[in-house]
Structure formats: C-alpha cells, structure tokens
N, C-alpha and C. Protein backbone atom coordinates (compact mmCIF):
# COMPACT_ATOMS: atom_id res chain seq x y z
N UNK A 1 0.51 35.41 -1.90
CA UNK A 1 -0.54 34.24 -2.00
C UNK A 1 -1.77 34.97 -0.85
N UNK A 2 -2.82 35.16 -1.73
CA UNK A 2 -4.63 35.09 -0.94
C UNK A 2 -4.56 33.49 0.48
N UNK A 3 -4.93 34.07 1.78
CA UNK A 3 -5.40 32.97 2.17
C UNK A 3 -6.22 33.62 2.64
N UNK A 4 -7.07 32.15 2.34
CA UNK A 4 -9.07 32.42 2.76
C UNK A 4 -9.04 31.49 3.52
N UNK A 5 -9.39 31.66 4.64
CA UNK A 5 -9.86 30.74 5.61
C UNK A 5 -10.95 29.55 5.52
N UNK A 6 -10.61 28.30 5.76
CA UNK A 6 -11.86 26.73 5.30
C UNK A 6 -12.87 27.54 5.94
N UNK A 7 -13.88 26.57 5.32
CA UNK A 7 -15.30 26.16 6.17
C UNK A 7 -15.21 25.75 7.72
N UNK A 8 -15.37 25.78 8.13
CA UNK A 8 -15.65 25.18 9.94
C UNK A 8 -16.40 23.65 9.79
N UNK A 9 -16.98 23.54 9.19
CA UNK A 9 -17.17 21.68 9.05
C UNK A 9 -16.46 21.05 8.57
N UNK A 10 -15.20 21.33 7.63
CA UNK A 10 -13.99 20.49 7.19
C UNK A 10 -13.25 20.76 8.37
N UNK A 11 -13.48 21.43 9.18
CA UNK A 11 -12.15 21.01 10.15
C UNK A 11 -12.59 19.62 11.01
N UNK A 12 -13.48 19.20 11.29
CA UNK A 12 -14.14 17.99 11.65
C UNK A 12 -14.19 16.56 11.83
N UNK A 13 -13.75 17.18 9.55
CA UNK A 13 -13.64 15.43 9.13
C UNK A 13 -12.11 14.74 9.38
N UNK A 14 -11.24 15.56 10.36
CA UNK A 14 -9.87 14.54 10.21
C UNK A 14 -9.97 14.86 11.83
N UNK A 15 -11.61 14.45 12.58
CA UNK A 15 -11.14 14.04 14.00
C UNK A 15 -12.06 12.94 14.05
N UNK A 16 -12.61 12.51 13.19
CA UNK A 16 -13.93 11.67 13.18
C UNK A 16 -12.77 10.41 12.68
N UNK A 17 -12.83 8.78 13.27
CA UNK A 17 -12.34 7.89 13.34
C UNK A 17 -12.94 6.92 11.71
N UNK A 18 -11.42 6.58 11.55
CA UNK A 18 -11.50 6.31 9.62
C UNK A 18 -13.11 5.10 9.60
N UNK A 19 -13.36 5.37 8.95
CA UNK A 19 -14.90 4.58 8.08
C UNK A 19 -13.90 2.85 7.31
N UNK A 20 -15.01 2.33 7.33
CA UNK A 20 -14.28 1.21 6.05
C UNK A 20 -15.02 0.95 4.81
N UNK A 21 -14.67 0.60 3.53
CA UNK A 21 -15.62 0.62 3.04
C UNK A 21 -17.25 1.03 3.00
N UNK A 22 -17.95 0.56 1.68
CA UNK A 22 -18.83 0.55 2.17
C UNK A 22 -19.03 -0.42 1.82
N UNK A 23 -19.21 -1.67 1.20
CA UNK A 23 -19.32 -3.23 1.67
C UNK A 23 -19.50 -3.65 2.05
N UNK A 24 -18.23 -2.99 3.51
CA UNK A 24 -18.44 -3.89 5.11
C UNK A 24 -18.83 -3.11 6.11
N UNK A 25 -19.80 -1.73 5.66
CA UNK A 25 -20.84 -1.05 6.41
C UNK A 25 -21.18 -2.33 7.33
N UNK A 26 -22.03 -3.27 7.41
CA UNK A 26 -22.67 -4.33 8.28
C UNK A 26 -21.91 -4.69 9.71
N UNK A 27 -20.28 -4.38 8.70
CA UNK A 27 -19.71 -5.79 9.56
C UNK A 27 -18.89 -5.39 10.40
N UNK A 28 -19.12 -3.78 10.87
CA UNK A 28 -18.07 -2.04 11.54
C UNK A 28 -17.64 -2.23 12.55
N UNK A 29 -18.51 -3.13 13.62
CA UNK A 29 -18.22 -3.52 14.65
C UNK A 29 -17.66 -5.13 14.90
N UNK A 30 -17.86 -6.74 14.21
CA UNK A 30 -16.82 -6.75 14.07
C UNK A 30 -15.22 -6.25 13.75
N UNK A 31 -15.28 -5.41 12.49
CA UNK A 31 -13.48 -5.63 12.09
C UNK A 31 -13.38 -4.44 13.29
N UNK A 32 -14.04 -3.50 14.04
CA UNK A 32 -13.59 -2.77 15.39
C UNK A 32 -13.30 -3.88 16.54
N UNK A 33 -13.57 -4.77 16.39
CA UNK A 33 -13.55 -5.81 17.26
C UNK A 33 -11.79 -6.50 16.81
N UNK A 34 -11.78 -7.03 15.19
CA UNK A 34 -10.38 -7.83 14.91
C UNK A 34 -9.31 -6.31 15.76
N UNK A 35 -9.58 -4.95 14.93
CA UNK A 35 -8.18 -3.89 15.06
C UNK A 35 -8.40 -3.98 16.63
N UNK A 36 -9.27 -3.90 17.50
CA UNK A 36 -8.78 -3.98 18.99
C UNK A 36 -7.54 -5.09 19.06
N UNK A 37 -8.21 -6.74 18.85
CA UNK A 37 -7.32 -7.68 19.18
C UNK A 37 -5.84 -7.98 18.88
N UNK A 38 -6.36 -7.25 17.30
CA UNK A 38 -5.02 -7.29 17.02
C UNK A 38 -3.64 -5.72 17.96
N UNK A 39 -4.48 -5.24 17.93
CA UNK A 39 -4.03 -4.02 18.43
C UNK A 39 -3.23 -4.40 20.10
N UNK A 40 -4.17 -5.06 21.29
CA UNK A 40 -3.49 -5.46 22.43
C UNK A 40 -2.72 -7.02 21.95
N UNK A 41 -2.88 -7.87 20.46
CA UNK A 41 -1.52 -8.31 20.40
C UNK A 41 -0.23 -7.94 20.31
N UNK A 42 -0.76 -6.44 19.43
CA UNK A 42 0.94 -6.13 19.55
C UNK A 42 1.20 -5.42 19.95
N UNK A 43 0.96 -4.86 20.96
CA UNK A 43 1.06 -4.12 22.76
C UNK A 43 1.72 -5.17 23.35
N UNK A 44 1.73 -6.20 23.79
CA UNK A 44 1.63 -7.77 24.20
C UNK A 44 3.39 -7.59 23.84
N UNK A 45 3.44 -8.15 22.35
CA UNK A 45 4.33 -8.47 22.34
C UNK A 45 5.76 -7.40 21.54
N UNK A 46 5.22 -5.98 21.69
CA UNK A 46 6.02 -5.25 21.65
C UNK A 46 6.67 -4.96 23.55
N UNK A 47 5.94 -5.44 24.16
CA UNK A 47 6.51 -4.79 25.40
C UNK A 47 7.36 -6.40 26.10
N UNK A 48 7.08 -7.29 25.61
CA UNK A 48 7.55 -8.55 26.08
C UNK A 48 9.38 -8.32 25.22
N UNK A 49 9.06 -7.53 23.82
CA UNK A 49 10.32 -7.45 23.19
C UNK A 49 11.20 -6.11 23.98
N UNK A 50 10.32 -5.07 24.30
CA UNK A 50 11.13 -4.27 24.96
C UNK A 50 11.89 -4.64 26.64
N UNK A 51 11.09 -5.75 27.33
CA UNK A 51 11.38 -6.43 28.47
C UNK A 51 12.91 -7.12 28.67
N UNK A 52 12.78 -7.97 27.42
CA UNK A 52 14.17 -8.30 26.91
C UNK A 52 15.17 -7.87 26.57
N UNK A 53 14.59 -6.91 25.38
CA UNK A 53 16.32 -6.23 25.48
C UNK A 53 16.41 -5.78 26.60
N UNK A 54 15.84 -4.80 27.68
CA UNK A 54 16.34 -4.14 28.87
C UNK A 54 17.04 -5.30 30.16
N UNK A 55 16.27 -6.34 29.67
CA UNK A 55 17.37 -7.29 30.61
C UNK A 55 18.38 -7.62 29.63
N UNK A 56 18.53 -7.67 28.66
CA UNK A 56 19.97 -8.14 28.35
C UNK A 56 20.94 -6.94 28.10
N UNK A 57 20.46 -5.74 28.10
CA UNK A 57 21.30 -4.91 28.09
C UNK A 57 21.65 -4.54 30.07
N UNK A 58 20.64 -4.78 30.93
CA UNK A 58 20.85 -5.14 32.38
C UNK A 58 22.43 -6.18 32.31
N UNK A 59 22.06 -7.52 31.87
CA UNK A 59 22.69 -8.19 32.23
C UNK A 59 24.26 -8.20 31.27
N UNK A 60 24.06 -7.57 30.23
CA UNK A 60 25.63 -7.10 30.02
C UNK A 60 26.43 -6.38 30.31
N UNK A 61 25.47 -4.77 31.04
CA UNK A 61 26.18 -3.92 31.95
C UNK A 61 26.53 -4.87 33.34
N UNK A 62 25.89 -5.57 33.70
CA UNK A 62 26.43 -6.37 35.29
C UNK A 62 27.72 -7.36 34.64
N UNK A 63 27.76 -8.31 33.57
CA UNK A 63 29.06 -8.65 33.18
C UNK A 63 30.53 -8.23 33.26
N UNK A 64 29.45 -7.01 32.42
CA UNK A 64 31.14 -6.68 31.77
C UNK A 64 31.81 -5.48 33.64
N UNK A 65 30.85 -5.68 35.02
CA UNK A 65 30.94 -4.78 35.89
C UNK A 65 32.03 -5.89 36.98
N UNK A 66 31.37 -6.70 36.32
CA UNK A 66 31.97 -8.17 37.21
C UNK A 66 33.36 -8.61 37.25
C-alpha cells in the first residue's frame, strides 16, 4: 500500500472548536454559555458524588477496624 502525505491544512481541522449548525449561527455565544454552565454543574455534581464515595469508604474502613 502506498502512503501519501496529507495536505497540511487538513490537520488544522481536527483542532478547531466544534461549530453549531447553520440555523444556530446567530446564537452561538448563548449556546456556548449554556454549555459552560452545564459543564460547571456536571463537574460540581461529579465532585460531590466522588466526595461522598470517599467519605463512605473511609467510614466503612474505620468501622471495620474499630
């Protein structure tokens, strides 16, 4: 199989931020803000779940030792 190098401008396409569809073009900033809020909310919920899991594990280990 013959390997061919790709043109360099194609490599830049994979590092661009994702774009919304044509009908959402005027609302892109608002949609990005909604994405940011959802990301922060999900990060907070995830951190809370991890913290509760760690606390439960520590309590279980402590009760097994006592």
